[in-house]
Amino acid sequence: MIDNDKTNTCDDMRLLVDRRLEESEAALTADQCEELKQHLSACASCRTWEQEMSEIMAMAASAPQFDVSEALTQRILSAVRGQTAFPVSTRQVVLVVLAVASMMSILVMDSVESIAGLGSWLISLAGMAVFKQLLVRPDVCEQRIRP
């Protein structure tokens, strides 16, 4: 069983380790420094964390840095802002709504006896067909058909 107090303490101490590595020892109060020192002396996991984080910070500091022009930065940012993460068509929304409705009807119909079971089976087939349509984009299909 996990000791939640120890987990919370380790999480808190790792945040202090991160702050000390990113900013400096002065970023921590004297009490925090002492608490961190005591915790690290008793917790091998957090000592390993501190060592690994120190190595990562050292590698990052030694990595070459490249200056990028402001114009390039602005072009990249404007291009990213102009994109939508997941463009969704009306057709896809309708298909999702139909799929969810069919799956919900399966849950309702499964509670009714025999003949409704057949209806449930047919609705689940329709649901699978809808999901298949969700996976197939019409513009991709048209490109495959055209030479």
Protein backbone atom coordinates (compact mmCIF):
# COMPACT_ATOMS: atom_id res chain seq x y z
CA MET A 1 0.00 0.00 0.00
CA ILE A 2 1.27 3.47 -0.88
CA ASP A 3 1.88 5.91 1.95
CA ASN A 4 0.08 9.04 0.68
CA ASP A 5 1.90 11.31 3.15
CA LYS A 6 5.28 10.11 1.84
CA THR A 7 4.12 10.51 -1.79
CA ASN A 8 2.92 14.04 -1.15
CA THR A 9 6.14 14.82 0.68
CA CYS A 10 8.22 13.43 -2.19
CA ASP A 11 6.18 15.45 -4.69
CA ASP A 12 6.68 18.58 -2.61
CA MET A 13 10.40 17.93 -2.23
CA ARG A 14 10.81 17.30 -5.96
CA LEU A 15 9.21 20.68 -6.63
CA LEU A 16 11.75 22.24 -4.28
CA VAL A 17 14.56 20.40 -6.06
CA ASP A 18 13.28 21.70 -9.39
CA ARG A 19 13.03 25.26 -8.12
CA ARG A 20 16.53 25.08 -6.64
CA LEU A 21 18.00 23.73 -9.88
CA GLU A 22 16.15 26.18 -12.14
CA GLU A 23 16.57 29.32 -10.07
CA SER A 24 19.14 28.92 -7.29
CA GLU A 25 19.57 27.97 -3.69
CA ALA A 26 18.38 31.49 -2.82
CA ALA A 27 14.95 30.66 -4.28
CA LEU A 28 14.27 28.52 -1.22
CA THR A 29 13.77 29.69 2.33
CA ALA A 30 16.11 28.47 5.05
CA ASP A 31 13.36 26.16 6.35
CA GLN A 32 12.78 24.73 2.88
CA CYS A 33 16.53 24.12 2.42
CA GLU A 34 16.73 22.31 5.74
CA GLU A 35 13.59 20.27 5.05
CA LEU A 36 14.90 19.33 1.60
CA LYS A 37 18.31 18.36 3.02
CA GLN A 38 16.70 16.11 5.64
CA HIS A 39 14.34 14.53 3.12
CA LEU A 40 17.12 13.84 0.61
CA SER A 41 19.24 12.19 3.29
CA ALA A 42 16.37 9.78 4.04
CA CYS A 43 14.82 9.23 0.59
CA ALA A 44 16.81 7.38 -2.07
CA SER A 45 14.14 7.95 -4.69
CA CYS A 46 14.33 11.72 -4.32
CA ARG A 47 18.14 11.63 -4.30
CA THR A 48 17.99 9.78 -7.62
CA TRP A 49 15.47 12.37 -8.88
CA GLU A 50 17.80 15.20 -7.87
CA GLN A 51 20.77 13.55 -9.58
CA GLU A 52 18.86 12.88 -12.80
CA MET A 53 17.42 16.40 -12.89
CA SER A 54 20.90 17.86 -12.32
CA GLU A 55 22.23 15.86 -15.26
CA ILE A 56 19.33 16.94 -17.50
CA MET A 57 19.81 20.59 -16.55
CA ALA A 58 23.57 20.32 -17.25
CA MET A 59 22.93 18.76 -20.67
CA ALA A 60 20.36 21.41 -21.52
CA ALA A 61 22.74 24.18 -20.49
CA SER A 62 25.53 22.74 -22.63
CA ALA A 63 23.35 22.29 -25.73
CA PRO A 64 23.98 24.78 -28.51
CA GLN A 65 21.45 27.56 -28.80
CA PHE A 66 20.46 29.07 -32.10
CA ASP A 67 19.21 32.56 -32.68
CA VAL A 68 16.15 32.70 -34.87
CA SER A 69 15.06 35.89 -36.54
CA GLU A 70 11.98 37.65 -35.21
CA ALA A 71 10.42 37.48 -38.68
CA LEU A 72 10.72 33.70 -38.76
CA THR A 73 9.31 33.43 -35.25
CA GLN A 74 6.32 35.57 -36.20
CA ARG A 75 5.69 33.55 -39.39
CA ILE A 76 5.71 30.30 -37.44
CA LEU A 77 3.42 31.68 -34.74
CA SER A 78 0.94 33.08 -37.26
CA ALA A 79 0.90 29.78 -39.15
CA VAL A 80 0.24 27.85 -35.93
CA ARG A 81 -2.48 30.26 -34.84
CA GLY A 82 -4.18 29.86 -38.22
CA GLN A 83 -4.49 26.11 -37.84
CA THR A 84 -7.20 24.26 -36.01
CA ALA A 85 -6.10 21.32 -33.96
CA PHE A 86 -8.77 18.94 -35.22
CA PRO A 87 -10.84 20.21 -38.13
CA VAL A 88 -14.26 18.58 -37.92
CA SER A 89 -16.82 18.57 -40.70
CA THR A 90 -20.59 18.69 -40.20
CA ARG A 91 -20.75 15.19 -41.66
CA GLN A 92 -18.40 13.88 -38.97
CA VAL A 93 -20.44 15.54 -36.21
CA VAL A 94 -23.67 14.01 -37.55
CA LEU A 95 -22.05 10.58 -37.77
CA VAL A 96 -20.77 10.82 -34.20
CA VAL A 97 -24.22 11.82 -32.95
CA LEU A 98 -25.79 8.92 -34.83
CA ALA A 99 -23.20 6.50 -33.49
CA VAL A 100 -23.73 7.62 -29.92
CA ALA A 101 -27.52 7.44 -30.34
CA SER A 102 -27.31 3.92 -31.74
CA MET A 103 -25.04 2.77 -28.92
CA MET A 104 -27.40 4.28 -26.34
CA SER A 105 -30.34 2.50 -27.95
CA ILE A 106 -28.42 -0.77 -27.67
CA LEU A 107 -28.15 -0.27 -23.93
CA VAL A 108 -31.88 0.43 -23.66
CA MET A 109 -32.96 -2.38 -25.96
CA ASP A 110 -30.74 -4.98 -24.32
CA SER A 111 -32.91 -4.78 -21.24
CA VAL A 112 -36.02 -5.86 -23.21
CA GLU A 113 -36.57 -9.56 -23.96
CA SER A 114 -36.11 -11.60 -27.21
CA ILE A 115 -37.42 -9.60 -30.21
CA ALA A 116 -35.76 -6.47 -28.93
CA GLY A 117 -32.52 -8.44 -28.81
CA LEU A 118 -32.71 -8.80 -32.58
CA GLY A 119 -33.33 -5.07 -32.88
CA SER A 120 -30.34 -4.44 -30.66
CA TRP A 121 -28.20 -6.62 -32.89
CA LEU A 122 -29.32 -4.71 -36.00
CA ILE A 123 -28.67 -1.37 -34.33
CA SER A 124 -25.18 -2.48 -33.33
CA LEU A 125 -24.49 -3.38 -36.97
CA ALA A 126 -25.66 0.10 -37.97
CA GLY A 127 -23.38 1.55 -35.28
CA MET A 128 -20.41 -0.31 -36.72
CA ALA A 129 -21.24 1.01 -40.18
CA VAL A 130 -21.35 4.54 -38.80
CA PHE A 131 -17.98 4.08 -37.10
CA LYS A 132 -16.57 2.77 -40.37
CA GLN A 133 -17.76 5.95 -42.06
CA LEU A 134 -16.06 8.00 -39.36
CA LEU A 135 -12.78 6.35 -40.23
CA VAL A 136 -13.10 6.88 -43.97
CA ARG A 137 -12.80 10.49 -45.07
CA PRO A 138 -14.66 11.23 -48.33
CA ASP A 139 -11.90 13.41 -49.75
CA VAL A 140 -9.38 10.60 -49.33
CA CYS A 141 -11.74 8.13 -51.02
CA GLU A 142 -12.23 10.49 -53.97
CA GLN A 143 -8.47 10.83 -54.39
CA ARG A 144 -8.10 7.05 -54.43
CA ILE A 145 -10.81 6.65 -57.08
CA ARG A 146 -9.52 9.38 -59.41
CA PRO A 147 -6.45 8.44 -61.47
